[in-house]
Amino acid sequence: MYLYWDSGAEVLAVDHDEDVVNSVVMDIPLTKCADVTDPEVIKQLGISNIDVVIISMASKLEASVMTTMLCKEAGVKTVIAKCGNEMDCKILSKIGADHVIFPERDSGIRLAK
């Protein structure tokens, strides 16, 4: 039912933009167009059966917070959230994200090393 990538991971991709969903369906066959800030959608997608959820809506803090909270409430073991600034990182961490990624900061640190 899910796409098995070379690593053996099963992948479900979800986006609210139908054009985005249609553009990746050849690479990720199990792709859904849905609003993941809706608790009923989270339930219908079966998120509670997923081990790791990656939330990459850095420019939309409210949606990231809501989705993180709903995934944790559904029992997702690991939630990884992308943030757009330091304050958003703190907020996402406090509401339950297990890992918060700030690409600009993380890249700068790697480059400096």
Protein backbone atom coordinates (compact mmCIF):
# COMPACT_ATOMS: atom_id res chain seq x y z
CA MET A 1 0.00 0.00 0.00
CA TYR A 2 2.84 2.41 0.78
CA LEU A 3 5.88 3.17 -1.32
CA TYR A 4 8.97 1.29 -0.18
CA TRP A 5 12.05 3.44 -0.73
CA ASP A 6 15.54 2.00 -0.95
CA SER A 7 15.86 2.40 2.82
CA GLY A 8 12.81 0.21 3.33
CA ALA A 9 10.67 3.08 4.64
CA GLU A 10 7.01 3.26 3.83
CA VAL A 11 6.08 6.79 2.74
CA LEU A 12 2.79 8.68 2.83
CA ALA A 13 3.00 12.26 1.49
CA VAL A 14 0.24 14.76 2.26
CA ASP A 15 -0.19 18.32 0.99
CA HIS A 16 -3.16 20.67 0.84
CA ASP A 17 -2.29 21.78 -2.72
CA GLU A 18 -3.66 19.40 -5.35
CA ASP A 19 -1.09 20.57 -7.93
CA VAL A 20 1.75 19.60 -5.58
CA VAL A 21 0.16 16.21 -4.93
CA ASN A 22 -0.27 15.56 -8.66
CA SER A 23 3.33 16.55 -9.38
CA VAL A 24 4.82 13.94 -7.01
CA VAL A 25 2.41 11.05 -7.40
CA MET A 26 4.73 9.28 -9.87
CA ASP A 27 7.56 9.31 -7.28
CA ILE A 28 5.39 8.75 -4.21
CA PRO A 29 2.35 6.68 -5.19
CA LEU A 30 0.65 7.07 -1.81
CA THR A 31 0.07 10.80 -1.88
CA LYS A 32 -3.02 12.51 -0.50
CA CYS A 33 -4.48 15.98 -0.82
CA ALA A 34 -5.73 16.93 2.62
CA ASP A 35 -5.73 19.55 5.38
CA VAL A 36 -3.61 18.02 8.15
CA THR A 37 -4.70 20.69 10.63
CA ASP A 38 -8.12 18.99 10.75
CA PRO A 39 -8.33 16.36 13.52
CA GLU A 40 -10.75 14.25 11.46
CA VAL A 41 -8.30 14.17 8.53
CA ILE A 42 -5.51 13.01 10.86
CA LYS A 43 -7.78 10.19 12.00
CA GLN A 44 -8.82 9.23 8.43
CA LEU A 45 -5.20 9.14 7.23
CA GLY A 46 -4.33 6.65 9.96
CA ILE A 47 -1.54 8.84 11.32
CA SER A 48 -1.66 6.90 14.60
CA ASN A 49 -0.10 3.95 12.72
CA ILE A 50 2.88 5.98 11.49
CA ASP A 51 6.18 5.92 13.39
CA VAL A 52 7.70 9.19 12.13
CA VAL A 53 5.97 12.29 10.78
CA ILE A 54 7.92 15.10 9.13
CA ILE A 55 6.15 18.46 9.13
CA SER A 56 7.71 20.89 6.67
CA MET A 57 5.40 23.91 6.78
CA ALA A 58 8.01 26.31 8.17
CA SER A 59 6.34 29.41 6.77
CA LYS A 60 3.02 28.54 8.44
CA LEU A 61 3.61 28.39 12.19
CA GLU A 62 -0.04 27.93 13.16
CA ALA A 63 -0.44 24.95 10.80
CA SER A 64 2.85 23.45 12.01
CA VAL A 65 1.81 23.80 15.65
CA MET A 66 -1.64 22.32 15.04
CA THR A 67 -0.29 19.41 13.00
CA THR A 68 2.46 18.66 15.53
CA MET A 69 -0.04 18.64 18.37
CA LEU A 70 -2.53 16.45 16.49
CA CYS A 71 0.17 13.94 15.50
CA LYS A 72 1.47 13.66 19.07
CA GLU A 73 -2.09 13.28 20.39
CA ALA A 74 -2.66 10.52 17.81
CA GLY A 75 0.31 8.64 19.23
CA VAL A 76 3.00 9.29 16.62
CA LYS A 77 6.30 8.25 18.22
CA THR A 78 8.53 10.82 16.50
CA VAL A 79 7.52 14.18 15.07
CA ILE A 80 10.15 16.16 13.18
CA ALA A 81 9.16 19.75 12.43
CA LYS A 82 10.84 22.35 10.24
CA CYS A 83 10.89 25.91 11.57
CA GLY A 84 11.63 29.27 10.01
CA ASN A 85 13.17 31.11 12.95
CA GLU A 86 14.45 30.60 16.50
CA MET A 87 11.15 31.52 18.19
CA ASP A 88 9.20 29.06 16.02
CA CYS A 89 11.75 26.38 16.97
CA LYS A 90 11.09 27.02 20.66
CA ILE A 91 7.33 26.91 20.19
CA LEU A 92 7.39 23.65 18.22
CA SER A 93 9.67 22.05 20.79
CA LYS A 94 7.43 23.11 23.66
CA ILE A 95 4.27 21.71 22.08
CA GLY A 96 5.81 18.30 21.49
CA ALA A 97 8.01 18.13 18.38
CA ASP A 98 10.72 15.56 19.08
CA HIS A 99 13.18 17.16 16.67
CA VAL A 100 13.08 20.68 15.27
CA ILE A 101 15.04 21.52 12.16
CA PHE A 102 16.01 25.09 11.29
CA PRO A 103 17.76 24.63 7.91
CA GLU A 104 19.36 28.06 7.74
CA ARG A 105 20.87 27.78 11.23
CA ASP A 106 21.86 24.13 10.80
CA SER A 107 23.54 24.81 7.44
CA GLY A 108 25.43 27.76 8.90
CA ILE A 109 26.72 25.64 11.76
CA ARG A 110 27.85 22.87 9.38
CA LEU A 111 29.54 25.40 7.11
CA ALA A 112 31.33 27.06 10.02
CA LYS A 113 32.73 23.73 11.16
